[in-house]
């Protein structure tokens, strides 16, 4: 797995070689310093802890500063641990930059969604509202009746209702890396990324598997289908 910590800059659009517009999100990815190295012998597993974002020393506690000074690294705002493929090759103090990814890679981006405060069922869950005329009264956006009477005398778990909306950890999977610029610490991915501008995101290799479609995969082996009886005729229809 490849991973890096970054900050969402915002959305934009780029054009590919065919002139097709691609909506993209620009991420300031890294540079991330290796703060700690976990090993199989000492910790029972292999991983590295990355630090991102410079911050004044006065904003960190003494235990946090002691942890960073032990590694010989300046104050960092965010620390995250990743099980990288090359964890054994990295040492404390090394830098992980945006060029750890390449154009065409597929990544999963994790961030914190925008907070919307306390919202009702209409905005939070898309519930239907009452009509605006002929007796709907002041309850047009209310959730309405939701529980039986004597049995079971309660509302079942999972029923939609009003409450805190947003401000949750969200992962968007399978986004394609469009451009990489290590000099500008820039990672450009196709599609939207959760969170507001300036929010923290983590970019990791996708957990999805990409299979290459082989020649003849669309030809059926079932003799009852036309493509199975005459593959040449089926391929000629393309």
Protein backbone atom coordinates (compact mmCIF):
# COMPACT_ATOMS: atom_id res chain seq x y z
CA UNK A 1 0.00 0.00 0.00
CA UNK A 2 1.07 3.57 -0.75
CA UNK A 3 -0.22 6.45 1.35
CA UNK A 4 0.31 10.11 2.15
CA UNK A 5 -1.30 12.86 4.25
CA UNK A 6 -2.52 16.00 2.55
CA UNK A 7 -4.78 19.03 2.60
CA UNK A 8 -7.70 19.67 0.28
CA UNK A 9 -7.07 22.82 -1.75
CA UNK A 10 -10.27 22.86 -3.81
CA UNK A 11 -11.88 21.73 -7.04
CA UNK A 12 -11.01 22.65 -10.58
CA UNK A 13 -11.10 21.14 -14.05
CA UNK A 14 -8.50 19.99 -16.55
CA UNK A 15 -8.62 18.86 -20.16
CA UNK A 16 -7.25 15.55 -21.37
CA UNK A 17 -5.49 14.91 -24.68
CA UNK A 18 -8.87 14.47 -26.43
CA UNK A 19 -10.16 17.82 -25.19
CA UNK A 20 -12.57 16.25 -22.70
CA UNK A 21 -13.06 18.21 -19.49
CA UNK A 22 -12.35 16.33 -16.25
CA UNK A 23 -13.60 17.60 -12.86
CA UNK A 24 -10.73 17.26 -10.40
CA UNK A 25 -9.81 17.96 -6.79
CA UNK A 26 -6.41 19.47 -6.01
CA UNK A 27 -4.70 18.06 -2.91
CA UNK A 28 -1.58 19.44 -1.27
CA UNK A 29 0.04 16.07 -0.56
CA UNK A 30 3.01 16.07 1.77
CA UNK A 31 5.85 16.30 2.26
CA UNK A 32 5.37 13.91 5.18
CA UNK A 33 8.23 13.08 7.51
CA UNK A 34 8.65 9.61 8.98
CA UNK A 35 8.27 10.20 12.73
CA UNK A 36 8.29 6.62 13.96
CA UNK A 37 8.97 3.19 12.53
CA UNK A 38 7.14 0.12 13.81
CA UNK A 39 8.87 -3.24 13.33
CA UNK A 40 7.82 -6.86 13.64
CA UNK A 41 10.41 -7.57 16.33
CA UNK A 42 9.55 -4.67 18.61
CA UNK A 43 5.89 -3.89 17.93
CA UNK A 44 4.56 -7.06 16.30
CA UNK A 45 3.84 -5.45 12.93
CA UNK A 46 5.47 -3.28 10.28
CA UNK A 47 4.29 0.29 9.79
CA UNK A 48 5.45 3.89 9.75
CA UNK A 49 4.06 6.99 11.41
CA UNK A 50 3.99 10.06 9.17
CA UNK A 51 3.85 13.67 10.30
CA UNK A 52 2.31 16.47 8.24
CA UNK A 53 1.82 20.20 8.67
CA UNK A 54 4.19 22.55 10.47
CA UNK A 55 2.86 24.12 13.63
CA UNK A 56 4.35 26.37 16.36
CA UNK A 57 5.88 24.45 19.25
CA UNK A 58 3.67 26.26 21.77
CA UNK A 59 0.59 24.54 20.28
CA UNK A 60 1.83 21.05 21.16
CA UNK A 61 1.97 19.35 24.52
CA UNK A 62 5.27 18.31 26.10
CA UNK A 63 4.68 14.58 25.42
CA UNK A 64 3.96 15.36 21.75
CA UNK A 65 7.08 17.49 21.44
CA UNK A 66 9.15 14.84 23.19
CA UNK A 67 7.93 12.25 20.70
CA UNK A 68 8.93 14.48 17.77
CA UNK A 69 12.27 15.58 19.24
CA UNK A 70 13.21 11.95 19.77
CA UNK A 71 12.89 11.52 16.01
CA UNK A 72 14.74 14.78 15.33
CA UNK A 73 11.76 16.32 13.57
CA UNK A 74 10.17 19.73 14.04
CA UNK A 75 6.64 20.29 15.36
CA UNK A 76 3.97 18.58 13.24
CA UNK A 77 0.25 19.14 13.50
CA UNK A 78 -0.97 15.74 12.28
CA UNK A 79 0.37 12.23 12.88
CA UNK A 80 -1.00 9.20 11.06
CA UNK A 81 0.18 5.60 10.86
CA UNK A 82 0.21 3.57 7.63
CA UNK A 83 1.12 0.02 6.71
CA UNK A 84 3.21 0.92 3.66
CA UNK A 85 4.66 -1.61 1.26
CA UNK A 86 8.13 -0.08 1.63
CA UNK A 87 7.89 0.41 5.42
CA UNK A 88 11.01 -1.69 5.95
CA UNK A 89 13.01 0.54 3.59
CA UNK A 90 12.03 3.83 5.25
CA UNK A 91 13.90 5.29 8.20
CA UNK A 92 13.01 7.95 10.75
CA UNK A 93 13.48 11.37 9.16
CA UNK A 94 12.80 10.28 5.57
CA UNK A 95 10.30 12.27 3.51
CA UNK A 96 7.30 10.86 1.65
CA UNK A 97 6.34 13.15 -1.23
CA UNK A 98 3.54 13.35 -3.76
CA UNK A 99 5.52 11.40 -6.34
CA UNK A 100 4.88 8.24 -4.32
CA UNK A 101 1.82 8.09 -6.59
CA UNK A 102 1.86 8.19 -10.39
CA UNK A 103 -0.61 9.30 -13.03
CA UNK A 104 -3.17 6.59 -13.64
CA UNK A 105 -3.09 5.18 -10.11
CA UNK A 106 -6.38 4.65 -8.30
CA UNK A 107 -6.66 5.89 -4.71
CA UNK A 108 -9.07 6.03 -1.77
CA UNK A 109 -9.36 9.46 -0.16
CA UNK A 110 -10.55 9.79 3.45
CA UNK A 111 -11.68 13.06 4.98
CA UNK A 112 -14.21 14.63 7.33
CA UNK A 113 -17.42 15.73 5.65
CA UNK A 114 -18.77 19.25 6.02
CA UNK A 115 -20.77 19.81 9.18
CA UNK A 116 -24.37 21.02 8.78
CA UNK A 117 -25.37 21.22 12.43
CA UNK A 118 -28.68 19.89 13.75
CA UNK A 119 -31.02 19.24 10.83
CA UNK A 120 -34.48 17.78 10.34
CA UNK A 121 -35.48 14.66 8.44
CA UNK A 122 -36.20 16.51 5.21
CA UNK A 123 -32.67 17.83 4.76
CA UNK A 124 -30.86 15.07 6.64
CA UNK A 125 -32.54 12.03 5.07
CA UNK A 126 -34.54 13.43 2.15
CA UNK A 127 -37.89 12.63 3.79
CA UNK A 128 -41.09 13.63 2.04
CA UNK A 129 -42.88 16.72 3.33
CA UNK A 130 -46.60 17.44 3.46
CA UNK A 131 -48.37 19.54 0.89
CA UNK A 132 -48.42 23.28 1.48
CA UNK A 133 -52.17 23.77 1.12
CA UNK A 134 -55.42 22.56 2.68
CA UNK A 135 -54.71 21.72 6.24
CA UNK A 136 -51.10 20.66 6.50
CA UNK A 137 -50.74 23.06 9.41
CA UNK A 138 -47.41 23.81 11.07
CA UNK A 139 -46.14 20.23 10.70
CA UNK A 140 -45.20 20.26 7.00
CA UNK A 141 -41.59 19.24 7.66
CA UNK A 142 -42.17 17.05 10.72
CA UNK A 143 -41.25 13.36 10.68
CA UNK A 144 -44.82 12.27 11.44
CA UNK A 145 -45.99 9.14 13.22
CA UNK A 146 -43.27 6.50 13.46
CA UNK A 147 -44.11 4.04 16.29
CA UNK A 148 -46.79 1.38 16.89
CA UNK A 149 -49.02 1.53 19.94
CA UNK A 150 -49.13 -1.17 22.63
CA UNK A 151 -46.86 -3.64 20.90
CA UNK A 152 -43.92 -3.03 20.72
CA UNK A 153 -44.47 0.40 22.32
CA UNK A 154 -41.23 1.78 20.98
CA UNK A 155 -39.54 3.09 17.85
CA UNK A 156 -37.31 0.56 16.11
CA UNK A 157 -33.60 1.31 15.87
CA UNK A 158 -32.48 2.81 12.59
CA UNK A 159 -35.59 4.92 12.03
CA UNK A 160 -34.71 8.18 10.33
CA UNK A 161 -35.03 11.31 12.41
CA UNK A 162 -33.60 14.73 13.12
CA UNK A 163 -30.06 15.03 14.44
CA UNK A 164 -26.47 16.05 13.80
CA UNK A 165 -25.72 16.10 10.06
CA UNK A 166 -22.27 15.81 8.57
CA UNK A 167 -18.90 16.11 10.33
CA UNK A 168 -18.29 12.37 9.82
CA UNK A 169 -15.37 10.40 8.43
CA UNK A 170 -16.08 9.65 4.79
CA UNK A 171 -13.99 7.64 2.34
CA UNK A 172 -14.39 8.04 -1.42
CA UNK A 173 -12.98 5.02 -3.21
CA UNK A 174 -11.44 4.42 -6.60
CA UNK A 175 -10.48 7.96 -7.65
CA UNK A 176 -8.02 8.17 -10.53
CA UNK A 177 -4.86 10.24 -10.17
CA UNK A 178 -4.83 12.71 -13.06
CA UNK A 179 -1.65 14.68 -12.38
CA UNK A 180 1.28 14.61 -9.96
CA UNK A 181 3.73 17.44 -9.27
CA UNK A 182 6.27 16.66 -6.57
CA UNK A 183 7.85 20.13 -6.75
CA UNK A 184 4.53 21.79 -5.86
CA UNK A 185 3.44 18.93 -3.55
CA UNK A 186 0.37 18.65 -5.75
CA UNK A 187 -1.83 15.63 -6.29
CA UNK A 188 -4.77 16.01 -8.68
CA UNK A 189 -7.48 13.34 -8.52
CA UNK A 190 -10.59 12.94 -10.65
CA UNK A 191 -13.82 13.56 -8.77
CA UNK A 192 -14.89 15.04 -5.46
CA UNK A 193 -13.22 14.64 -2.07
CA UNK A 194 -15.07 14.94 1.27
CA UNK A 195 -14.59 17.98 3.47
CA UNK A 196 -14.23 21.75 3.07
CA UNK A 197 -11.26 23.55 1.57
CA UNK A 198 -8.21 23.31 3.80
CA UNK A 199 -9.37 20.14 5.56
CA UNK A 200 -7.11 17.18 6.27
CA UNK A 201 -7.31 14.17 3.94
CA UNK A 202 -5.42 10.90 3.72
CA UNK A 203 -4.72 9.34 0.33
CA UNK A 204 -4.13 5.59 0.10
CA UNK A 205 -3.96 3.02 -2.64
CA UNK A 206 -7.44 1.80 -3.45
CA UNK A 207 -8.73 -1.46 -2.03
CA UNK A 208 -10.62 -2.08 -5.26
CA UNK A 209 -9.23 -4.59 -7.74
CA UNK A 210 -8.87 -3.62 -11.39
CA UNK A 211 -9.10 -6.53 -13.79
CA UNK A 212 -8.02 -6.15 -17.39
CA UNK A 213 -10.76 -7.28 -19.74
CA UNK A 214 -9.35 -10.05 -21.89
CA UNK A 215 -10.07 -10.65 -25.55
CA UNK A 216 -13.25 -12.64 -26.03
CA UNK A 217 -14.58 -11.96 -22.53
CA UNK A 218 -17.88 -10.74 -24.04
CA UNK A 219 -18.42 -13.99 -25.97
CA UNK A 220 -20.64 -16.43 -24.11
CA UNK A 221 -19.83 -20.12 -23.68
CA UNK A 222 -23.53 -20.94 -23.55
CA UNK A 223 -24.56 -22.61 -26.86
CA UNK A 224 -28.12 -21.32 -26.39
CA UNK A 225 -26.87 -17.76 -26.91
CA UNK A 226 -26.07 -16.35 -30.31
CA UNK A 227 -22.57 -15.28 -29.29
CA UNK A 228 -21.88 -18.84 -28.16
CA UNK A 229 -23.07 -20.47 -31.37
CA UNK A 230 -21.24 -18.09 -33.69
CA UNK A 231 -18.49 -16.04 -31.98
CA UNK A 232 -17.33 -14.55 -35.32
CA UNK A 233 -20.77 -13.14 -35.98
CA UNK A 234 -20.98 -11.76 -32.46
CA UNK A 235 -17.64 -10.01 -32.77
CA UNK A 236 -18.55 -8.62 -36.18
CA UNK A 237 -21.49 -6.71 -34.68
CA UNK A 238 -19.16 -4.42 -32.74
